[in-house]
Amino acid sequence: FRSIVHSSVYDALLSTMREQRGGEAPSELDLWHGTAWATVPKILRQGFNRSFAGRHGTLLGVATYFSSDPAYSQRFCDRRGGGHDGTKALLLSRVLVGEYCRGAASD
């Protein structure tokens, strides 16, 4: 396992979220993200970015999606972009959590 910390992005976001919450720190959760193998280097260099979205998993809008269930997130791993043995990319991420709700597809 490899740990990547984008501390400047984290610190800026944490500061903004604390300010929005009147000084209260937001929750942090360990969540899973499934992605195409080819996207992993971009995520490791630049962090998660909505501009990487778009292949699949955009039913609820263009966003970066995470789940507490690794089995759910692995459904979004792109099998075609894996290693020779079909390796998938499933990332465990510490996420600063703002307001959230259970999503549902709109009609």
PDB file of N, CA and C in Angstrom:
ATOM      1  N   PHE A   1       0.836  -1.185   0.000  1.00  0.00           N
ATOM      2  CA  PHE A   1       0.000   0.000   0.000  1.00  0.00           C
ATOM      3  C   PHE A   1       0.877   1.243   0.000  1.00  0.00           C
ATOM      4  N   ARG A   2       0.366   2.282  -0.613  1.00  0.00           N
ATOM      5  CA  ARG A   2       1.112   3.533  -0.703  1.00  0.00           C
ATOM      6  C   ARG A   2       0.210   4.650  -0.199  1.00  0.00           C
ATOM      7  N   SER A   3       0.742   5.504   0.617  1.00  0.00           N
ATOM      8  CA  SER A   3      -0.025   6.623   1.148  1.00  0.00           C
ATOM      9  C   SER A   3       0.389   7.906   0.443  1.00  0.00           C
ATOM     10  N   ILE A   4      -0.587   8.601  -0.112  1.00  0.00           N
ATOM     11  CA  ILE A   4      -0.355   9.882  -0.783  1.00  0.00           C
ATOM     12  C   ILE A   4      -1.171  10.936  -0.032  1.00  0.00           C
ATOM     13  N   VAL A   5      -0.526  12.009   0.360  1.00  0.00           N
ATOM     14  CA  VAL A   5      -1.231  13.078   1.063  1.00  0.00           C
ATOM     15  C   VAL A   5      -1.036  14.369   0.278  1.00  0.00           C
ATOM     16  N   HIS A   6      -2.136  14.954  -0.117  1.00  0.00           N
ATOM     17  CA  HIS A   6      -2.096  16.261  -0.780  1.00  0.00           C
ATOM     18  C   HIS A   6      -2.399  17.299   0.295  1.00  0.00           C
ATOM     19  N   SER A   7      -1.378  17.589   1.113  1.00  0.00           N
ATOM     20  CA  SER A   7      -1.604  18.390   2.311  1.00  0.00           C
ATOM     21  C   SER A   7      -2.069  19.811   2.024  1.00  0.00           C
ATOM     22  N   SER A   8      -1.589  20.434   0.953  1.00  0.00           N
ATOM     23  CA  SER A   8      -2.020  21.807   0.681  1.00  0.00           C
ATOM     24  C   SER A   8      -3.500  21.833   0.301  1.00  0.00           C
ATOM     25  N   VAL A   9      -3.941  20.874  -0.486  1.00  0.00           N
ATOM     26  CA  VAL A   9      -5.359  20.786  -0.859  1.00  0.00           C
ATOM     27  C   VAL A   9      -6.199  20.459   0.374  1.00  0.00           C
ATOM     28  N   TYR A  10      -5.730  19.492   1.153  1.00  0.00           N
ATOM     29  CA  TYR A  10      -6.429  19.091   2.372  1.00  0.00           C
ATOM     30  C   TYR A  10      -6.565  20.269   3.331  1.00  0.00           C
ATOM     31  N   ASP A  11      -5.455  20.960   3.584  1.00  0.00           N
ATOM     32  CA  ASP A  11      -5.471  22.082   4.528  1.00  0.00           C
ATOM     33  C   ASP A  11      -6.407  23.197   4.078  1.00  0.00           C
ATOM     34  N   ALA A  12      -6.388  23.514   2.782  1.00  0.00           N
ATOM     35  CA  ALA A  12      -7.269  24.567   2.256  1.00  0.00           C
ATOM     36  C   ALA A  12      -8.732  24.172   2.397  1.00  0.00           C
ATOM     37  N   LEU A  13      -9.042  22.934   2.053  1.00  0.00           N
ATOM     38  CA  LEU A  13     -10.424  22.463   2.153  1.00  0.00           C
ATOM     39  C   LEU A  13     -10.880  22.398   3.608  1.00  0.00           C
ATOM     40  N   LEU A  14     -10.025  21.903   4.478  1.00  0.00           N
ATOM     41  CA  LEU A  14     -10.359  21.838   5.903  1.00  0.00           C
ATOM     42  C   LEU A  14     -10.639  23.225   6.454  1.00  0.00           C
ATOM     43  N   SER A  15      -9.822  24.194   6.106  1.00  0.00           N
ATOM     44  CA  SER A  15     -10.011  25.569   6.571  1.00  0.00           C
ATOM     45  C   SER A  15     -11.346  26.130   6.083  1.00  0.00           C
ATOM     46  N   THR A  16     -11.651  25.925   4.807  1.00  0.00           N
ATOM     47  CA  THR A  16     -12.910  26.413   4.240  1.00  0.00           C
ATOM     48  C   THR A  16     -14.106  25.757   4.918  1.00  0.00           C
ATOM     49  N   MET A  17     -14.018  24.442   5.116  1.00  0.00           N
ATOM     50  CA  MET A  17     -15.144  23.724   5.727  1.00  0.00           C
ATOM     51  C   MET A  17     -15.334  24.135   7.188  1.00  0.00           C
ATOM     52  N   ARG A  18     -14.243  24.355   7.911  1.00  0.00           N
ATOM     53  CA  ARG A  18     -14.355  24.828   9.299  1.00  0.00           C
ATOM     54  C   ARG A  18     -15.018  26.204   9.349  1.00  0.00           C
ATOM     55  N   GLU A  19     -14.604  27.078   8.451  1.00  0.00           N
ATOM     56  CA  GLU A  19     -15.182  28.426   8.395  1.00  0.00           C
ATOM     57  C   GLU A  19     -16.686  28.350   8.126  1.00  0.00           C
ATOM     58  N   GLN A  20     -17.089  27.500   7.187  1.00  0.00           N
ATOM     59  CA  GLN A  20     -18.504  27.343   6.849  1.00  0.00           C
ATOM     60  C   GLN A  20     -19.309  26.767   8.006  1.00  0.00           C
ATOM     61  N   ARG A  21     -18.647  26.045   8.901  1.00  0.00           N
ATOM     62  CA  ARG A  21     -19.314  25.392  10.022  1.00  0.00           C
ATOM     63  C   ARG A  21     -19.119  26.143  11.342  1.00  0.00           C
ATOM     64  N   GLY A  22     -18.709  27.392  11.263  1.00  0.00           N
ATOM     65  CA  GLY A  22     -18.536  28.182  12.469  1.00  0.00           C
ATOM     66  C   GLY A  22     -17.421  27.673  13.368  1.00  0.00           C
ATOM     67  N   GLY A  23     -16.351  27.137  12.773  1.00  0.00           N
ATOM     68  CA  GLY A  23     -15.200  26.670  13.542  1.00  0.00           C
ATOM     69  C   GLY A  23     -15.201  25.180  13.823  1.00  0.00           C
ATOM     70  N   GLU A  24     -16.317  24.522  13.603  1.00  0.00           N
ATOM     71  CA  GLU A  24     -16.396  23.078  13.851  1.00  0.00           C
ATOM     72  C   GLU A  24     -15.745  22.304  12.700  1.00  0.00           C
ATOM     73  N   ALA A  25     -14.937  21.322  13.060  1.00  0.00           N
ATOM     74  CA  ALA A  25     -14.257  20.516  12.046  1.00  0.00           C
ATOM     75  C   ALA A  25     -15.236  19.531  11.400  1.00  0.00           C
ATOM     76  N   PRO A  26     -15.105  19.316  10.103  1.00  0.00           N
ATOM     77  CA  PRO A  26     -15.968  18.338   9.430  1.00  0.00           C
ATOM     78  C   PRO A  26     -15.553  16.910   9.797  1.00  0.00           C
ATOM     79  N   SER A  27     -16.434  15.980   9.555  1.00  0.00           N
ATOM     80  CA  SER A  27     -16.114  14.570   9.769  1.00  0.00           C
ATOM     81  C   SER A  27     -15.121  14.100   8.717  1.00  0.00           C
ATOM     82  N   GLU A  28     -14.330  13.119   9.084  1.00  0.00           N
ATOM     83  CA  GLU A  28     -13.435  12.459   8.139  1.00  0.00           C
ATOM     84  C   GLU A  28     -13.819  10.980   8.115  1.00  0.00           C
ATOM     85  N   LEU A  29     -13.973  10.432   6.920  1.00  0.00           N
ATOM     86  CA  LEU A  29     -14.328   9.028   6.778  1.00  0.00           C
ATOM     87  C   LEU A  29     -13.349   8.345   5.844  1.00  0.00           C
ATOM     88  N   ASP A  30     -13.072   7.074   6.096  1.00  0.00           N
ATOM     89  CA  ASP A  30     -12.306   6.254   5.171  1.00  0.00           C
ATOM     90  C   ASP A  30     -13.299   5.650   4.193  1.00  0.00           C
ATOM     91  N   LEU A  31     -13.187   6.032   2.923  1.00  0.00           N
ATOM     92  CA  LEU A  31     -14.132   5.605   1.890  1.00  0.00           C
ATOM     93  C   LEU A  31     -13.386   5.046   0.684  1.00  0.00           C
ATOM     94  N   TRP A  32     -14.075   4.219  -0.087  1.00  0.00           N
ATOM     95  CA  TRP A  32     -13.504   3.555  -1.257  1.00  0.00           C
ATOM     96  C   TRP A  32     -13.883   4.265  -2.544  1.00  0.00           C
ATOM     97  N   HIS A  33     -12.963   4.227  -3.513  1.00  0.00           N
ATOM     98  CA  HIS A  33     -13.202   4.798  -4.835  1.00  0.00           C
ATOM     99  C   HIS A  33     -12.682   3.822  -5.880  1.00  0.00           C
ATOM    100  N   GLY A  34     -13.553   3.381  -6.781  1.00  0.00           N
ATOM    101  CA  GLY A  34     -13.147   2.508  -7.874  1.00  0.00           C
ATOM    102  C   GLY A  34     -12.937   3.329  -9.132  1.00  0.00           C
ATOM    103  N   THR A  35     -11.887   3.018  -9.882  1.00  0.00           N
ATOM    104  CA  THR A  35     -11.567   3.820 -11.057  1.00  0.00           C
ATOM    105  C   THR A  35     -10.847   2.993 -12.107  1.00  0.00           C
ATOM    106  N   ALA A  36     -10.678   3.569 -13.270  1.00  0.00           N
ATOM    107  CA  ALA A  36      -9.879   2.943 -14.320  1.00  0.00           C
ATOM    108  C   ALA A  36      -8.415   2.922 -13.892  1.00  0.00           C
ATOM    109  N   TRP A  37      -7.730   1.840 -14.190  1.00  0.00           N
ATOM    110  CA  TRP A  37      -6.320   1.715 -13.823  1.00  0.00           C
ATOM    111  C   TRP A  37      -5.509   2.881 -14.376  1.00  0.00           C
ATOM    112  N   ALA A  38      -5.821   3.321 -15.574  1.00  0.00           N
ATOM    113  CA  ALA A  38      -5.080   4.403 -16.223  1.00  0.00           C
ATOM    114  C   ALA A  38      -5.248   5.741 -15.502  1.00  0.00           C
ATOM    115  N   THR A  39      -6.294   5.899 -14.705  1.00  0.00           N
ATOM    116  CA  THR A  39      -6.549   7.152 -13.990  1.00  0.00           C
ATOM    117  C   THR A  39      -5.755   7.261 -12.694  1.00  0.00           C
ATOM    118  N   VAL A  40      -5.264   6.148 -12.190  1.00  0.00           N
ATOM    119  CA  VAL A  40      -4.566   6.149 -10.895  1.00  0.00           C
ATOM    120  C   VAL A  40      -3.391   7.136 -10.862  1.00  0.00           C
ATOM    121  N   PRO A  41      -2.500   7.155 -11.858  1.00  0.00           N
ATOM    122  CA  PRO A  41      -1.395   8.127 -11.793  1.00  0.00           C
ATOM    123  C   PRO A  41      -1.878   9.584 -11.698  1.00  0.00           C
ATOM    124  N   LYS A  42      -2.961   9.925 -12.402  1.00  0.00           N
ATOM    125  CA  LYS A  42      -3.507  11.295 -12.310  1.00  0.00           C
ATOM    126  C   LYS A  42      -3.978  11.588 -10.893  1.00  0.00           C
ATOM    127  N   ILE A  43      -4.692  10.627 -10.293  1.00  0.00           N
ATOM    128  CA  ILE A  43      -5.201  10.821  -8.933  1.00  0.00           C
ATOM    129  C   ILE A  43      -4.046  10.962  -7.955  1.00  0.00           C
ATOM    130  N   LEU A  44      -3.016  10.140  -8.111  1.00  0.00           N
ATOM    131  CA  LEU A  44      -1.874  10.206  -7.199  1.00  0.00           C
ATOM    132  C   LEU A  44      -1.124  11.534  -7.323  1.00  0.00           C
ATOM    133  N   ARG A  45      -1.046  12.075  -8.531  1.00  0.00           N
ATOM    134  CA  ARG A  45      -0.353  13.352  -8.741  1.00  0.00           C
ATOM    135  C   ARG A  45      -1.211  14.547  -8.343  1.00  0.00           C
ATOM    136  N   GLN A  46      -2.497  14.535  -8.725  1.00  0.00           N
ATOM    137  CA  GLN A  46      -3.336  15.723  -8.622  1.00  0.00           C
ATOM    138  C   GLN A  46      -4.478  15.614  -7.618  1.00  0.00           C
ATOM    139  N   GLY A  47      -4.692  14.449  -7.054  1.00  0.00           N
ATOM    140  CA  GLY A  47      -5.827  14.247  -6.167  1.00  0.00           C
ATOM    141  C   GLY A  47      -7.079  13.969  -6.981  1.00  0.00           C
ATOM    142  N   PHE A  48      -8.180  13.846  -6.312  1.00  0.00           N
ATOM    143  CA  PHE A  48      -9.447  13.594  -6.998  1.00  0.00           C
ATOM    144  C   PHE A  48      -9.936  14.889  -7.639  1.00  0.00           C
ATOM    145  N   ASN A  49     -10.442  14.777  -8.836  1.00  0.00           N
ATOM    146  CA  ASN A  49     -10.838  15.950  -9.609  1.00  0.00           C
ATOM    147  C   ASN A  49     -12.059  15.582 -10.442  1.00  0.00           C
ATOM    148  N   ARG A  50     -13.109  16.382 -10.337  1.00  0.00           N
ATOM    149  CA  ARG A  50     -14.332  16.075 -11.097  1.00  0.00           C
ATOM    150  C   ARG A  50     -14.098  16.050 -12.594  1.00  0.00           C
ATOM    151  N   SER A  51     -13.069  16.721 -13.081  1.00  0.00           N
ATOM    152  CA  SER A  51     -12.831  16.723 -14.526  1.00  0.00           C
ATOM    153  C   SER A  51     -12.384  15.352 -15.031  1.00  0.00           C
ATOM    154  N   PHE A  52     -11.988  14.455 -14.114  1.00  0.00           N
ATOM    155  CA  PHE A  52     -11.632  13.094 -14.520  1.00  0.00           C
ATOM    156  C   PHE A  52     -12.883  12.252 -14.733  1.00  0.00           C
ATOM    157  N   ALA A  53     -14.033  12.690 -14.246  1.00  0.00           N
ATOM    158  CA  ALA A  53     -15.268  11.904 -14.302  1.00  0.00           C
ATOM    159  C   ALA A  53     -15.822  11.856 -15.718  1.00  0.00           C
ATOM    160  N   GLY A  54     -16.708  10.888 -15.943  1.00  0.00           N
ATOM    161  CA  GLY A  54     -17.408  10.897 -17.212  1.00  0.00           C
ATOM    162  C   GLY A  54     -17.554   9.570 -17.917  1.00  0.00           C
ATOM    163  N   ARG A  55     -16.726   8.587 -17.627  1.00  0.00           N
ATOM    164  CA  ARG A  55     -16.840   7.296 -18.322  1.00  0.00           C
ATOM    165  C   ARG A  55     -18.075   6.539 -17.882  1.00  0.00           C
ATOM    166  N   HIS A  56     -18.266   6.432 -16.608  1.00  0.00           N
ATOM    167  CA  HIS A  56     -19.440   5.778 -16.041  1.00  0.00           C
ATOM    168  C   HIS A  56     -19.581   6.248 -14.604  1.00  0.00           C
ATOM    169  N   GLY A  57     -20.673   5.901 -13.979  1.00  0.00           N
ATOM    170  CA  GLY A  57     -20.857   6.325 -12.602  1.00  0.00           C
ATOM    171  C   GLY A  57     -21.237   7.784 -12.453  1.00  0.00           C
ATOM    172  N   THR A  58     -21.903   8.349 -13.461  1.00  0.00           N
ATOM    173  CA  THR A  58     -22.314   9.750 -13.375  1.00  0.00           C
ATOM    174  C   THR A  58     -23.833   9.877 -13.310  1.00  0.00           C
ATOM    175  N   LEU A  59     -24.503   8.818 -12.903  1.00  0.00           N
ATOM    176  CA  LEU A  59     -25.958   8.803 -12.849  1.00  0.00           C
ATOM    177  C   LEU A  59     -26.523   9.949 -12.009  1.00  0.00           C
ATOM    178  N   LEU A  60     -25.824  10.319 -10.950  1.00  0.00           N
ATOM    179  CA  LEU A  60     -26.315  11.372 -10.050  1.00  0.00           C
ATOM    180  C   LEU A  60     -25.629  12.708 -10.303  1.00  0.00           C
ATOM    181  N   GLY A  61     -24.919  12.808 -11.420  1.00  0.00           N
ATOM    182  CA  GLY A  61     -24.234  14.045 -11.770  1.00  0.00           C
ATOM    183  C   GLY A  61     -22.733  13.849 -11.858  1.00  0.00           C
ATOM    184  N   VAL A  62     -22.064  14.814 -12.462  1.00  0.00           N
ATOM    185  CA  VAL A  62     -20.613  14.755 -12.598  1.00  0.00           C
ATOM    186  C   VAL A  62     -20.008  15.071 -11.235  1.00  0.00           C
ATOM    187  N   ALA A  63     -19.319  14.095 -10.677  1.00  0.00           N
ATOM    188  CA  ALA A  63     -18.749  14.228  -9.343  1.00  0.00           C
ATOM    189  C   ALA A  63     -17.715  13.132  -9.150  1.00  0.00           C
ATOM    190  N   THR A  64     -17.037  13.167  -8.033  1.00  0.00           N
ATOM    191  CA  THR A  64     -16.170  12.074  -7.618  1.00  0.00           C
ATOM    192  C   THR A  64     -16.939  11.308  -6.553  1.00  0.00           C
ATOM    193  N   TYR A  65     -17.172  10.030  -6.808  1.00  0.00           N
ATOM    194  CA  TYR A  65     -18.009   9.218  -5.927  1.00  0.00           C
ATOM    195  C   TYR A  65     -17.168   8.302  -5.046  1.00  0.00           C
ATOM    196  N   PHE A  66     -17.614   8.140  -3.815  1.00  0.00           N
ATOM    197  CA  PHE A  66     -16.980   7.259  -2.844  1.00  0.00           C
ATOM    198  C   PHE A  66     -18.067   6.419  -2.184  1.00  0.00           C
ATOM    199  N   SER A  67     -17.659   5.295  -1.607  1.00  0.00           N
ATOM    200  CA  SER A  67     -18.591   4.441  -0.889  1.00  0.00           C
ATOM    201  C   SER A  67     -17.896   3.847   0.329  1.00  0.00           C
ATOM    202  N   SER A  68     -18.678   3.576   1.356  1.00  0.00           N
ATOM    203  CA  SER A  68     -18.142   2.872   2.523  1.00  0.00           C
ATOM    204  C   SER A  68     -18.017   1.374   2.245  1.00  0.00           C
ATOM    205  N   ASP A  69     -18.597   0.906   1.143  1.00  0.00           N
ATOM    206  CA  ASP A  69     -18.608  -0.504   0.778  1.00  0.00           C
ATOM    207  C   ASP A  69     -17.658  -0.758  -0.397  1.00  0.00           C
ATOM    208  N   PRO A  70     -16.531  -1.438  -0.166  1.00  0.00           N
ATOM    209  CA  PRO A  70     -15.589  -1.667  -1.269  1.00  0.00           C
ATOM    210  C   PRO A  70     -16.194  -2.501  -2.402  1.00  0.00           C
ATOM    211  N   ALA A  71     -17.120  -3.385  -2.086  1.00  0.00           N
ATOM    212  CA  ALA A  71     -17.757  -4.190  -3.140  1.00  0.00           C
ATOM    213  C   ALA A  71     -18.557  -3.302  -4.090  1.00  0.00           C
ATOM    214  N   TYR A  72     -19.192  -2.269  -3.564  1.00  0.00           N
ATOM    215  CA  TYR A  72     -19.934  -1.343  -4.413  1.00  0.00           C
ATOM    216  C   TYR A  72     -18.964  -0.547  -5.291  1.00  0.00           C
ATOM    217  N   SER A  73     -17.908  -0.002  -4.694  1.00  0.00           N
ATOM    218  CA  SER A  73     -16.953   0.815  -5.451  1.00  0.00           C
ATOM    219  C   SER A  73     -16.227   0.010  -6.523  1.00  0.00           C
ATOM    220  N   GLN A  74     -15.960  -1.248  -6.272  1.00  0.00           N
ATOM    221  CA  GLN A  74     -15.236  -2.035  -7.257  1.00  0.00           C
ATOM    222  C   GLN A  74     -16.038  -2.255  -8.530  1.00  0.00           C
ATOM    223  N   ARG A  75     -17.336  -2.036  -8.475  1.00  0.00           N
ATOM    224  CA  ARG A  75     -18.160  -2.146  -9.686  1.00  0.00           C
ATOM    225  C   ARG A  75     -17.794  -1.077 -10.711  1.00  0.00           C
ATOM    226  N   PHE A  76     -17.125  -0.024 -10.278  1.00  0.00           N
ATOM    227  CA  PHE A  76     -16.770   1.080 -11.170  1.00  0.00           C
ATOM    228  C   PHE A  76     -15.316   1.026 -11.629  1.00  0.00           C
ATOM    229  N   CYS A  77     -14.622  -0.044 -11.283  1.00  0.00           N
ATOM    230  CA  CYS A  77     -13.254  -0.238 -11.761  1.00  0.00           C
ATOM    231  C   CYS A  77     -13.324  -0.672 -13.223  1.00  0.00           C
ATOM    232  N   ASP A  78     -12.514  -0.068 -14.032  1.00  0.00           N
ATOM    233  CA  ASP A  78     -12.486  -0.374 -15.457  1.00  0.00           C
ATOM    234  C   ASP A  78     -11.579  -1.574 -15.696  1.00  0.00           C
ATOM    235  N   ARG A  79     -12.171  -2.696 -16.062  1.00  0.00           N
ATOM    236  CA  ARG A  79     -11.406  -3.920 -16.279  1.00  0.00           C
ATOM    237  C   ARG A  79     -10.466  -3.815 -17.481  1.00  0.00           C
ATOM    238  N   ARG A  80     -10.827  -3.018 -18.478  1.00  0.00           N
ATOM    239  CA  ARG A  80     -10.026  -2.930 -19.702  1.00  0.00           C
ATOM    240  C   ARG A  80      -8.712  -2.202 -19.481  1.00  0.00           C
ATOM    241  N   GLY A  81      -8.651  -1.322 -18.493  1.00  0.00           N
ATOM    242  CA  GLY A  81      -7.437  -0.535 -18.293  1.00  0.00           C
ATOM    243  C   GLY A  81      -6.508  -1.119 -17.251  1.00  0.00           C
ATOM    244  N   GLY A  82      -6.778  -2.361 -16.822  1.00  0.00           N
ATOM    245  CA  GLY A  82      -5.976  -2.978 -15.772  1.00  0.00           C
ATOM    246  C   GLY A  82      -4.676  -3.550 -16.286  1.00  0.00           C
ATOM    247  N   GLY A  83      -4.004  -4.249 -15.388  1.00  0.00           N
ATOM    248  CA  GLY A  83      -2.759  -4.906 -15.765  1.00  0.00           C
ATOM    249  C   GLY A  83      -3.045  -6.129 -16.622  1.00  0.00           C
ATOM    250  N   HIS A  84      -2.024  -6.846 -16.960  1.00  0.00           N
ATOM    251  CA  HIS A  84      -2.160  -8.026 -17.806  1.00  0.00           C
ATOM    252  C   HIS A  84      -3.048  -9.090 -17.161  1.00  0.00           C
ATOM    253  N   ASP A  85      -3.126  -9.092 -15.841  1.00  0.00           N
ATOM    254  CA  ASP A  85      -3.921 -10.089 -15.130  1.00  0.00           C
ATOM    255  C   ASP A  85      -5.323  -9.584 -14.789  1.00  0.00           C
ATOM    256  N   GLY A  86      -5.752  -8.458 -15.371  1.00  0.00           N
ATOM    257  CA  GLY A  86      -7.087  -7.914 -15.102  1.00  0.00           C
ATOM    258  C   GLY A  86      -7.171  -7.150 -13.791  1.00  0.00           C
ATOM    259  N   THR A  87      -6.036  -6.688 -13.272  1.00  0.00           N
ATOM    260  CA  THR A  87      -5.998  -5.939 -12.017  1.00  0.00           C
ATOM    261  C   THR A  87      -6.906  -4.718 -12.098  1.00  0.00           C
ATOM    262  N   LYS A  88      -7.630  -4.461 -11.014  1.00  0.00           N
ATOM    263  CA  LYS A  88      -8.521  -3.300 -10.932  1.00  0.00           C
ATOM    264  C   LYS A  88      -7.942  -2.287  -9.946  1.00  0.00           C
ATOM    265  N   ALA A  89      -8.390  -1.050 -10.047  1.00  0.00           N
ATOM    266  CA  ALA A  89      -7.917   0.012  -9.151  1.00  0.00           C
ATOM    267  C   ALA A  89      -9.020   0.375  -8.169  1.00  0.00           C
ATOM    268  N   LEU A  90      -8.784   0.069  -6.906  1.00  0.00           N
ATOM    269  CA  LEU A  90      -9.709   0.395  -5.829  1.00  0.00           C
ATOM    270  C   LEU A  90      -8.900   1.142  -4.778  1.00  0.00           C
ATOM    271  N   LEU A  91      -9.245   2.414  -4.544  1.00  0.00           N
ATOM    272  CA  LEU A  91      -8.473   3.278  -3.656  1.00  0.00           C
ATOM    273  C   LEU A  91      -9.213   3.518  -2.350  1.00  0.00           C
ATOM    274  N   LEU A  92      -8.526   3.331  -1.238  1.00  0.00           N
ATOM    275  CA  LEU A  92      -9.072   3.669   0.071  1.00  0.00           C
ATOM    276  C   LEU A  92      -8.615   5.081   0.380  1.00  0.00           C
ATOM    277  N   SER A  93      -9.564   5.975   0.633  1.00  0.00           N
ATOM    278  CA  SER A  93      -9.263   7.397   0.781  1.00  0.00           C
ATOM    279  C   SER A  93      -9.855   7.956   2.064  1.00  0.00           C
ATOM    280  N   ARG A  94      -9.097   8.818   2.722  1.00  0.00           N
ATOM    281  CA  ARG A  94      -9.630   9.560   3.862  1.00  0.00           C
ATOM    282  C   ARG A  94     -10.292  10.802   3.282  1.00  0.00           C
ATOM    283  N   VAL A  95     -11.596  10.959   3.523  1.00  0.00           N
ATOM    284  CA  VAL A  95     -12.387  11.996   2.875  1.00  0.00           C
ATOM    285  C   VAL A  95     -12.958  12.951   3.919  1.00  0.00           C
ATOM    286  N   LEU A  96     -12.760  14.255   3.692  1.00  0.00           N
ATOM    287  CA  LEU A  96     -13.445  15.265   4.499  1.00  0.00           C
ATOM    288  C   LEU A  96     -14.885  15.314   4.012  1.00  0.00           C
ATOM    289  N   VAL A  97     -15.815  15.089   4.916  1.00  0.00           N
ATOM    290  CA  VAL A  97     -17.212  14.937   4.525  1.00  0.00           C
ATOM    291  C   VAL A  97     -18.014  16.161   4.942  1.00  0.00           C
ATOM    292  N   GLY A  98     -18.648  16.780   3.966  1.00  0.00           N
ATOM    293  CA  GLY A  98     -19.572  17.869   4.243  1.00  0.00           C
ATOM    294  C   GLY A  98     -20.957  17.290   4.448  1.00  0.00           C
ATOM    295  N   GLU A  99     -21.960  17.976   3.966  1.00  0.00           N
ATOM    296  CA  GLU A  99     -23.314  17.447   4.044  1.00  0.00           C
ATOM    297  C   GLU A  99     -23.478  16.383   2.970  1.00  0.00           C
ATOM    298  N   TYR A 100     -24.145  15.312   3.313  1.00  0.00           N
ATOM    299  CA  TYR A 100     -24.348  14.249   2.342  1.00  0.00           C
ATOM    300  C   TYR A 100     -25.701  13.600   2.571  1.00  0.00           C
ATOM    301  N   CYS A 101     -26.132  12.878   1.572  1.00  0.00           N
ATOM    302  CA  CYS A 101     -27.396  12.156   1.664  1.00  0.00           C
ATOM    303  C   CYS A 101     -27.317  10.953   0.737  1.00  0.00           C
ATOM    304  N   ARG A 102     -28.246  10.039   0.898  1.00  0.00           N
ATOM    305  CA  ARG A 102     -28.320   8.897  -0.004  1.00  0.00           C
ATOM    306  C   ARG A 102     -28.886   9.404  -1.318  1.00  0.00           C
ATOM    307  N   GLY A 103     -28.173   9.162  -2.396  1.00  0.00           N
ATOM    308  CA  GLY A 103     -28.602   9.636  -3.707  1.00  0.00           C
ATOM    309  C   GLY A 103     -29.619   8.708  -4.345  1.00  0.00           C
ATOM    310  N   ALA A 104     -30.372   9.256  -5.263  1.00  0.00           N
ATOM    311  CA  ALA A 104     -31.321   8.484  -6.058  1.00  0.00           C
ATOM    312  C   ALA A 104     -31.364   9.079  -7.453  1.00  0.00           C
ATOM    313  N   ALA A 105     -31.413   8.213  -8.439  1.00  0.00           N
ATOM    314  CA  ALA A 105     -31.484   8.688  -9.823  1.00  0.00           C
ATOM    315  C   ALA A 105     -32.790   9.427 -10.044  1.00  0.00           C
ATOM    316  N   SER A 106     -32.725  10.524 -10.799  1.00  0.00           N
ATOM    317  CA  SER A 106     -33.952  11.256 -11.112  1.00  0.00           C
ATOM    318  C   SER A 106     -34.584  10.667 -12.358  1.00  0.00           C
ATOM    319  N   ASP A 107     -35.880  10.863 -12.499  1.00  0.00           N
ATOM    320  CA  ASP A 107     -36.598  10.322 -13.669  1.00  0.00           C
ATOM    321  C   ASP A 107     -36.419  11.200 -14.876  1.00  0.00           C
TER     322      ASP A 107
END
